[in-house]
Amino acid sequence: MQIYEELQARGLLAQVSNEEEIRNMINSGKAMFYIGFDCTADSLTAGHFMALTLMKRLQMAGNRPIALIGGGTTLIGDPSGRTDMRKMLTREDIDHNAECFKRQMERFIEFGEGKAMMVNNADWLLNLNYVDLLREVGACFSVNNMLRAECYKQRMEKGLSFLEFNYMIMQSYDFYHLFQTYGCNMQFGGDDQWSNMLGGTELIRKKLGKDAHVMTITLLTDSQGHKMGKTAGNAVWLDPNKTSPFEFYQYWRNVGDADVLKCLRMLTFLPLEQINEMDHWEGEKLNTAKEILAFELTKMVHGEEEAQKAQDGAKALFGAGGNTENMPTTQLSAEDLTDGKIGILDLLLKAGLTASKGEGRRLVQQGGVSVNEEKIADIAKEFTADDFADGELIIKKGKKVFHKITLG
């Protein structure tokens, strides 16, 4: 099976332009393609897996990836799939986030001479003269067509800022610049990016002629997979300081029954024949498939040693004896206690299990918190040093999230 057919078999592709040409180019290893990553945080998330593993698959087949860091477009903010405006970040924040992205991407993609490239669109977008851009690029875009674009629909309901309205033009200019500068002939992105991405192909053809060979492919997910990697409204990060390897493993171990095989096909590099054999697995065997998924993805991000520790820790925790050695841990000091006590809402906050006391209050009131296997019903519940059996408390959030609190 060639690479294009494998991408189809893994359920990765949503929409393509010029399919036959794309198929031939990818299968012959002649594609130079880019995927963009806006730097809205200081870590990539599990939601970026779709893009990262795709880049790795295509590179392994001889194609050349360009990882486009959105140092410039992040200043504008992508309105796709949002009902509100994104938080405005400073140049310093964005530069820091971009450096964090680079270090994480190197675990997936091989960079170097003749291999993958990493470029930052701040290098060309921030130097553009506004009037020149309007004359050179703005004339190629129909406002009527832009307003019909899927990426703007949700924002139109609450009010689309003129700042965000420019995002499509900036993203389109990226493809135009990459085509002219590096010969980049293909772009990939989430399915909700289709309108933005077609803007890039149309801009190139209007500026350079209809014979310009540029192609667009979108993946079968929104925003490059950002529906994946969300748990209780929070992101699952690739940075181990934000999401520990154990927590990362547990997230994938607990995916829904209906999603496990889809995730195995889309995100892992296991042979399709091996995954297809799992199609009829049920009960405990389906749990085994989830363990395989969690191990493979944790190994990819954190290395095999951490993946094995996470798997062993999970089995020990949920088996007889409840071994907590590899459980995510927060250490408190005596200064964290007030008059020798600490309340449950403060414990949840310090453990990073809630973002605010209000969220913790709702979680307790809904019966979603246990400490040392005892359900907590009182939001005013307090703990003293004597409550730390063997120097630790085990907080359980919901059915699947465990966290150890130690007192130093």
Protein backbone atom coordinates (compact mmCIF):
# COMPACT_ATOMS: atom_id res chain seq x y z
CA MET A 1 0.00 0.00 0.00
CA GLN A 2 1.41 3.40 -0.98
CA ILE A 3 1.37 6.37 1.35
CA TYR A 4 -1.65 8.19 -0.12
CA GLU A 5 -3.74 5.02 0.03
CA GLU A 6 -2.54 4.45 3.61
CA LEU A 7 -3.67 7.94 4.62
CA GLN A 8 -7.09 7.13 3.19
CA ALA A 9 -7.22 3.75 4.91
CA ARG A 10 -6.34 5.35 8.24
CA GLY A 11 -9.28 7.75 7.83
CA LEU A 12 -7.14 10.88 7.80
CA LEU A 13 -8.28 12.74 4.69
CA ALA A 14 -11.40 14.91 4.48
CA GLN A 15 -11.22 17.14 1.37
CA VAL A 16 -8.63 17.33 -1.39
CA SER A 17 -8.15 19.40 -4.51
CA ASN A 18 -6.62 17.84 -7.66
CA GLU A 19 -6.78 14.37 -6.11
CA GLU A 20 -5.03 12.45 -8.87
CA GLU A 21 -2.16 14.93 -8.98
CA ILE A 22 -1.88 14.90 -5.20
CA ARG A 23 -1.88 11.10 -5.14
CA ASN A 24 0.92 10.88 -7.70
CA MET A 25 3.02 13.59 -6.06
CA ILE A 26 2.77 12.14 -2.54
CA ASN A 27 3.32 8.55 -3.65
CA SER A 28 6.42 9.56 -5.63
CA GLY A 29 7.84 11.56 -2.69
CA LYS A 30 7.79 14.86 -4.59
CA ALA A 31 5.55 16.90 -2.32
CA MET A 32 6.91 19.84 -0.37
CA PHE A 33 4.09 20.62 2.01
CA TYR A 34 3.45 22.85 4.99
CA ILE A 35 1.29 22.76 8.09
CA GLY A 36 0.89 25.86 10.24
CA PHE A 37 0.99 26.04 14.05
CA ASP A 38 -0.12 29.26 15.76
CA CYS A 39 1.77 29.85 19.01
CA THR A 40 -1.15 30.42 21.40
CA ALA A 41 0.46 28.48 24.30
CA ASP A 42 3.92 27.39 25.44
CA SER A 43 3.30 23.75 24.56
CA LEU A 44 1.74 21.72 21.79
CA THR A 45 -1.23 19.61 22.84
CA ALA A 46 -2.42 16.08 22.15
CA GLY A 47 -4.69 17.76 19.63
CA HIS A 48 -1.65 18.46 17.42
CA PHE A 49 -1.01 14.73 17.01
CA MET A 50 -2.95 14.58 13.77
CA ALA A 51 -0.64 17.11 12.13
CA LEU A 52 2.61 15.88 13.70
CA THR A 53 2.13 12.22 12.84
CA LEU A 54 0.99 13.13 9.33
CA MET A 55 4.19 15.11 8.77
CA LYS A 56 6.22 12.15 10.02
CA ARG A 57 4.38 9.67 7.75
CA LEU A 58 4.87 11.82 4.68
CA GLN A 59 8.54 12.47 5.49
CA MET A 60 9.14 8.74 5.88
CA ALA A 61 7.71 8.35 2.35
CA GLY A 62 10.25 10.82 0.94
CA ASN A 63 8.19 14.01 0.99
CA ARG A 64 9.55 17.20 2.57
CA PRO A 65 7.64 18.95 5.39
CA ILE A 66 7.70 22.61 6.33
CA ALA A 67 6.62 23.32 9.90
CA LEU A 68 5.30 26.86 9.77
CA ILE A 69 5.42 28.60 13.13
CA GLY A 70 2.76 31.31 13.22
CA GLY A 71 4.75 34.06 14.90
CA GLY A 72 2.90 36.61 12.74
CA THR A 73 -0.58 35.12 12.39
CA THR A 74 -0.80 34.53 16.15
CA LEU A 75 -0.78 38.32 16.53
CA ILE A 76 -4.02 38.36 14.51
CA GLY A 77 -5.80 35.27 15.89
CA ASP A 78 -7.60 32.59 13.89
CA PRO A 79 -11.42 32.97 14.25
CA SER A 80 -12.11 29.46 12.91
CA GLY A 81 -14.46 27.47 15.13
CA ARG A 82 -14.68 30.17 17.77
CA THR A 83 -17.51 32.30 19.13
CA ASP A 84 -15.20 34.72 20.92
CA MET A 85 -12.01 36.60 20.14
CA ARG A 86 -8.72 34.98 21.10
CA LYS A 87 -6.58 36.45 23.85
CA MET A 88 -4.11 39.02 22.51
CA LEU A 89 -0.53 37.87 23.14
CA THR A 90 2.63 39.97 23.20
CA ARG A 91 5.52 39.50 20.76
CA GLU A 92 7.62 38.19 23.66
CA ASP A 93 4.96 35.60 24.61
CA ILE A 94 4.70 34.41 21.02
CA ASP A 95 8.48 34.13 20.55
CA HIS A 96 8.75 32.08 23.74
CA ASN A 97 5.92 29.78 22.67
CA ALA A 98 7.52 29.31 19.23
CA GLU A 99 10.77 28.11 20.83
CA CYS A 100 8.82 25.61 22.94
CA PHE A 101 7.06 24.30 19.82
CA LYS A 102 10.37 23.77 18.02
CA ARG A 103 11.79 21.58 20.77
CA GLN A 104 8.68 19.40 20.84
CA MET A 105 8.39 19.03 17.07
CA GLU A 106 11.91 17.64 16.88
CA ARG A 107 10.64 14.46 18.55
CA PHE A 108 8.46 13.79 15.50
CA ILE A 109 10.14 15.36 12.49
CA GLU A 110 13.75 15.17 11.26
CA PHE A 111 15.04 18.66 10.51
CA GLY A 112 18.17 19.54 8.61
CA GLU A 113 19.67 20.11 5.16
CA GLY A 114 17.41 18.52 2.56
CA LYS A 115 15.03 17.32 5.28
CA ALA A 116 12.22 19.12 7.12
CA MET A 117 12.29 22.90 7.44
CA MET A 118 11.00 25.12 10.20
CA VAL A 119 10.09 28.71 9.32
CA ASN A 120 8.31 31.52 11.15
CA ASN A 121 5.81 33.68 9.28
CA ALA A 122 6.76 36.65 11.48
CA ASP A 123 9.86 36.86 9.27
CA TRP A 124 7.78 38.08 6.32
CA LEU A 125 4.37 39.15 7.65
CA LEU A 126 5.70 41.70 10.12
CA ASN A 127 7.72 43.47 7.43
CA LEU A 128 4.79 43.99 5.07
CA ASN A 129 3.71 47.51 4.23
CA TYR A 130 -0.04 47.71 4.80
CA VAL A 131 -0.89 49.76 1.71
CA ASP A 132 1.35 47.62 -0.48
CA LEU A 133 -0.32 44.49 0.88
CA LEU A 134 -3.79 45.89 0.15
CA ARG A 135 -2.78 46.67 -3.42
CA GLU A 136 -0.90 43.44 -4.09
CA VAL A 137 -3.01 40.91 -2.21
CA GLY A 138 -6.26 42.56 -1.13
CA ALA A 139 -7.41 43.00 -4.72
CA CYS A 140 -7.36 39.19 -5.14
CA PHE A 141 -10.02 38.58 -2.46
CA SER A 142 -13.79 38.98 -2.71
CA VAL A 143 -15.34 40.23 0.53
CA ASN A 144 -18.59 38.48 -0.41
CA ASN A 145 -16.79 35.14 -0.69
CA MET A 146 -14.89 35.73 2.54
CA LEU A 147 -18.10 36.39 4.47
CA ARG A 148 -19.53 33.09 3.23
CA ALA A 149 -16.51 31.17 4.50
CA GLU A 150 -17.17 28.56 7.19
CA CYS A 151 -14.30 29.86 9.32
CA TYR A 152 -16.15 33.15 9.93
CA LYS A 153 -19.71 31.91 10.51
CA GLN A 154 -19.62 31.45 14.28
CA ARG A 155 -17.80 34.72 14.83
CA MET A 156 -20.33 36.61 12.70
CA GLU A 157 -23.04 35.84 15.26
CA LYS A 158 -21.28 37.76 18.04
CA GLY A 159 -19.30 40.19 15.94
CA LEU A 160 -16.21 39.57 13.82
CA SER A 161 -13.45 42.10 14.41
CA PHE A 162 -11.65 43.64 11.45
CA LEU A 163 -8.43 42.30 12.97
CA GLU A 164 -9.66 38.69 12.67
CA PHE A 165 -11.14 39.35 9.24
CA ASN A 166 -7.57 39.73 7.98
CA TYR A 167 -6.56 36.24 9.12
CA MET A 168 -7.55 34.57 5.85
CA ILE A 169 -5.44 37.04 3.88
CA MET A 170 -2.43 36.48 6.16
CA GLN A 171 -2.74 32.68 5.94
CA SER A 172 -3.14 32.85 2.17
CA TYR A 173 -0.07 35.05 1.91
CA ASP A 174 1.89 32.41 3.82
CA PHE A 175 1.28 29.82 1.08
CA TYR A 176 2.10 32.40 -1.59
CA HIS A 177 5.40 33.25 0.14
CA LEU A 178 6.33 29.60 0.76
CA PHE A 179 5.57 28.69 -2.87
CA GLN A 180 7.71 31.49 -4.24
CA THR A 181 10.57 31.16 -1.74
CA TYR A 182 10.87 27.40 -1.22
CA GLY A 183 8.78 25.78 -3.95
CA CYS A 184 6.20 24.58 -1.41
CA ASN A 185 3.43 23.03 -3.52
CA MET A 186 1.00 21.57 -0.99
CA GLN A 187 -0.74 22.59 2.23
CA PHE A 188 -2.44 20.52 4.91
CA GLY A 189 -4.75 21.66 7.70
CA GLY A 190 -7.89 20.93 9.67
CA ASP A 191 -11.14 20.53 7.76
CA ASP A 192 -12.48 23.79 9.19
CA GLN A 193 -9.54 25.54 7.47
CA TRP A 194 -10.76 24.68 3.96
CA SER A 195 -11.85 28.23 3.07
CA ASN A 196 -8.65 29.78 4.42
CA MET A 197 -6.54 27.29 2.55
CA LEU A 198 -8.36 27.65 -0.75
CA GLY A 199 -7.68 31.37 -0.41
CA GLY A 200 -3.98 30.54 -0.61
CA THR A 201 -4.27 28.42 -3.76
CA GLU A 202 -6.44 31.05 -5.44
CA LEU A 203 -4.01 33.85 -4.52
CA ILE A 204 -1.10 31.95 -6.08
CA ARG A 205 -3.02 31.27 -9.28
CA LYS A 206 -4.23 34.86 -9.58
CA LYS A 207 -0.72 36.24 -9.03
CA LEU A 208 1.31 33.65 -10.91
CA GLY A 209 -1.09 32.10 -13.39
CA LYS A 210 -3.61 29.28 -13.42
CA ASP A 211 -0.95 26.72 -14.31
CA ALA A 212 0.75 27.07 -10.91
CA HIS A 213 0.77 23.56 -9.43
CA VAL A 214 -0.45 24.03 -5.87
CA MET A 215 -2.73 21.70 -3.96
CA THR A 216 -4.78 21.66 -0.77
CA ILE A 217 -5.68 18.78 1.56
CA THR A 218 -7.66 18.95 4.79
CA LEU A 219 -7.63 16.34 7.54
CA LEU A 220 -10.70 14.63 8.90
CA THR A 221 -10.86 16.70 12.07
CA ASP A 222 -11.41 20.29 13.11
CA SER A 223 -8.47 22.62 13.79
CA GLN A 224 -5.86 19.91 13.12
CA GLY A 225 -7.29 17.60 15.72
CA HIS A 226 -8.03 19.95 18.59
CA LYS A 227 -11.20 18.09 19.53
CA MET A 228 -8.78 15.39 20.56
CA GLY A 229 -6.68 16.07 23.58
CA LYS A 230 -9.37 17.72 25.69
CA THR A 231 -10.34 16.47 29.11
CA ALA A 232 -12.79 18.22 31.44
CA GLY A 233 -12.36 21.35 29.34
CA ASN A 234 -8.57 21.38 29.76
CA ALA A 235 -5.87 20.66 27.21
CA VAL A 236 -3.67 17.55 27.39
CA TRP A 237 -0.20 18.97 26.84
CA LEU A 238 2.90 17.38 25.32
CA ASP A 239 5.07 19.21 27.88
CA PRO A 240 5.61 16.81 30.82
CA ASN A 241 5.66 19.76 33.22
CA LYS A 242 2.08 20.60 32.24
CA THR A 243 0.72 17.07 31.74
CA SER A 244 2.79 14.31 33.34
CA PRO A 245 3.52 11.12 31.35
CA PHE A 246 1.20 9.27 33.74
CA GLU A 247 -1.65 11.73 33.14
CA PHE A 248 -0.96 11.64 29.41
CA TYR A 249 -1.10 7.84 29.41
CA GLN A 250 -4.28 7.85 31.47
CA TYR A 251 -6.01 10.25 29.08
CA TRP A 252 -5.51 7.93 26.11
CA ARG A 253 -6.20 4.82 28.22
CA ASN A 254 -9.64 6.27 28.96
CA VAL A 255 -10.79 7.21 25.45
CA GLY A 256 -14.30 6.08 24.57
CA ASP A 257 -14.89 2.58 23.22
CA ALA A 258 -16.11 4.03 19.92
CA ASP A 259 -12.91 6.07 19.45
CA VAL A 260 -10.10 3.68 20.32
CA LEU A 261 -9.68 2.03 16.91
CA LYS A 262 -10.06 5.36 15.12
CA CYS A 263 -7.28 6.80 17.28
CA LEU A 264 -5.09 3.75 16.71
CA ARG A 265 -5.45 4.14 12.94
CA MET A 266 -5.03 7.90 12.81
CA LEU A 267 -2.36 8.50 15.42
CA THR A 268 -0.12 5.45 15.80
CA PHE A 269 2.35 3.83 13.42
CA LEU A 270 1.15 0.30 14.10
CA PRO A 271 0.50 -1.69 10.90
CA LEU A 272 -3.08 -1.43 9.68
CA GLU A 273 -3.28 -5.22 9.56
CA GLN A 274 -2.62 -5.37 13.31
CA ILE A 275 -5.23 -2.68 14.03
CA ASN A 276 -7.83 -4.29 11.75
CA GLU A 277 -7.55 -7.51 13.76
CA MET A 278 -8.88 -5.54 16.75
CA ASP A 279 -12.10 -4.60 14.95
CA HIS A 280 -14.14 -7.25 16.75
CA TRP A 281 -12.52 -6.93 20.16
CA GLU A 282 -14.93 -6.37 23.04
CA GLY A 283 -14.86 -6.14 26.82
CA GLU A 284 -11.42 -6.74 28.33
CA LYS A 285 -9.84 -7.07 24.89
CA LEU A 286 -11.06 -3.56 24.06
CA ASN A 287 -9.34 -2.36 27.23
CA THR A 288 -6.18 -4.01 25.94
CA ALA A 289 -6.53 -1.97 22.73
CA LYS A 290 -6.76 1.19 24.85
CA GLU A 291 -3.60 0.20 26.71
CA ILE A 292 -1.82 -0.30 23.38
CA LEU A 293 -2.99 3.14 22.20
CA ALA A 294 -1.91 4.84 25.43
CA PHE A 295 1.49 3.14 25.44
CA GLU A 296 2.25 3.91 21.80
CA LEU A 297 1.38 7.60 22.07
CA THR A 298 3.13 8.08 25.42
CA LYS A 299 6.24 6.40 23.98
CA MET A 300 6.11 8.73 20.98
CA VAL A 301 6.02 11.86 23.14
CA HIS A 302 7.89 10.93 26.32
CA GLY A 303 10.03 7.95 25.33
CA GLU A 304 9.68 4.22 25.96
CA GLU A 305 10.97 4.33 29.55
CA GLU A 306 8.37 6.89 30.65
CA ALA A 307 5.66 5.03 28.75
CA GLN A 308 6.53 1.80 30.55
CA LYS A 309 6.57 3.57 33.94
CA ALA A 310 3.16 5.12 33.20
CA GLN A 311 1.72 1.76 32.15
CA ASP A 312 3.16 -0.04 35.17
CA GLY A 313 1.95 2.75 37.45
CA ALA A 314 -1.57 2.60 36.04
CA LYS A 315 -1.76 -1.18 36.42
CA ALA A 316 -0.43 -1.01 39.96
CA LEU A 317 -2.81 1.80 40.93
CA PHE A 318 -5.94 0.13 39.61
CA GLY A 319 -4.91 -3.38 40.59
CA ALA A 320 -4.58 -4.92 43.99
CA GLY A 321 -2.67 -2.78 46.48
CA GLY A 322 -3.11 0.54 44.72
CA ASN A 323 0.60 1.38 44.19
CA THR A 324 0.90 5.17 43.89
CA GLU A 325 4.60 5.40 43.00
CA ASN A 326 4.13 6.84 39.50
CA MET A 327 1.01 8.88 40.23
CA PRO A 328 1.15 12.66 39.49
CA THR A 329 2.22 14.34 42.73
CA THR A 330 2.09 17.78 44.33
CA GLN A 331 4.18 18.42 47.43
CA LEU A 332 2.95 20.87 50.05
CA SER A 333 4.92 22.48 52.84
CA ALA A 334 3.76 23.57 56.27
CA GLU A 335 3.44 27.11 54.87
CA ASP A 336 0.66 25.91 52.58
CA LEU A 337 -1.50 25.19 55.62
CA THR A 338 -3.33 27.96 57.46
CA ASP A 339 -3.47 27.37 61.22
CA GLY A 340 -2.40 23.83 60.47
CA LYS A 341 -5.28 23.19 58.02
CA ILE A 342 -5.99 23.29 54.29
CA GLY A 343 -9.42 23.21 52.65
CA ILE A 344 -10.50 20.87 49.88
CA LEU A 345 -10.93 23.73 47.39
CA ASP A 346 -7.35 24.88 48.02
CA LEU A 347 -6.10 21.31 47.66
CA LEU A 348 -7.78 20.98 44.26
CA LEU A 349 -6.26 24.27 43.14
CA LYS A 350 -2.73 23.42 44.30
CA ALA A 351 -2.93 20.03 42.59
CA GLY A 352 -3.95 21.70 39.33
CA LEU A 353 -7.17 19.69 39.24
CA THR A 354 -9.31 22.82 39.02
CA ALA A 355 -8.67 26.27 37.61
CA SER A 356 -10.60 28.17 40.31
CA LYS A 357 -12.36 27.72 43.64
CA GLY A 358 -15.67 28.14 41.83
CA GLU A 359 -14.88 25.15 39.62
CA GLY A 360 -13.81 23.17 42.69
CA ARG A 361 -16.99 24.08 44.54
CA ARG A 362 -19.13 22.81 41.64
CA LEU A 363 -17.07 19.64 41.37
CA VAL A 364 -17.51 18.82 45.07
CA GLN A 365 -21.23 19.65 45.03
CA GLN A 366 -21.70 17.33 42.04
CA GLY A 367 -20.06 14.45 43.91
CA GLY A 368 -16.95 14.42 41.74
CA VAL A 369 -14.24 14.47 44.45
CA SER A 370 -12.96 11.75 46.78
CA VAL A 371 -9.98 11.84 49.15
CA ASN A 372 -8.45 8.55 50.24
CA GLU A 373 -11.51 6.75 48.81
CA GLU A 374 -13.92 8.90 50.87
CA LYS A 375 -16.44 10.99 48.92
CA ILE A 376 -16.22 14.69 49.82
CA ALA A 377 -19.63 16.37 50.07
CA ASP A 378 -18.74 19.45 52.12
CA ILE A 379 -17.05 22.31 50.25
CA ALA A 380 -15.73 23.54 53.64
CA LYS A 381 -13.97 20.22 54.36
CA GLU A 382 -10.47 20.79 55.81
CA PHE A 383 -7.46 18.54 56.29
CA THR A 384 -4.70 18.67 58.90
CA ALA A 385 -1.23 17.17 58.92
CA ASP A 386 -2.65 14.17 60.78
CA ASP A 387 -4.89 13.38 57.77
CA PHE A 388 -1.88 12.67 55.56
CA ALA A 389 -1.64 8.91 56.02
CA ASP A 390 2.01 7.93 55.50
CA GLY A 391 2.62 11.53 54.45
CA GLU A 392 0.15 11.59 51.53
CA LEU A 393 -3.45 12.12 50.44
CA ILE A 394 -4.91 10.61 47.26
CA ILE A 395 -7.45 12.85 45.53
CA LYS A 396 -9.75 11.29 42.96
CA LYS A 397 -11.45 13.64 40.50
CA GLY A 398 -14.35 12.02 38.69
CA LYS A 399 -13.79 8.36 37.89
CA LYS A 400 -10.43 8.49 36.15
CA VAL A 401 -8.16 11.26 37.47
CA PHE A 402 -5.95 10.51 40.48
CA HIS A 403 -3.47 12.87 42.15
CA LYS A 404 -1.18 12.37 45.15
CA ILE A 405 -0.62 15.19 47.66
CA THR A 406 2.38 14.89 49.96
CA LEU A 407 3.27 17.02 52.94
CA GLY A 408 6.97 17.78 53.32
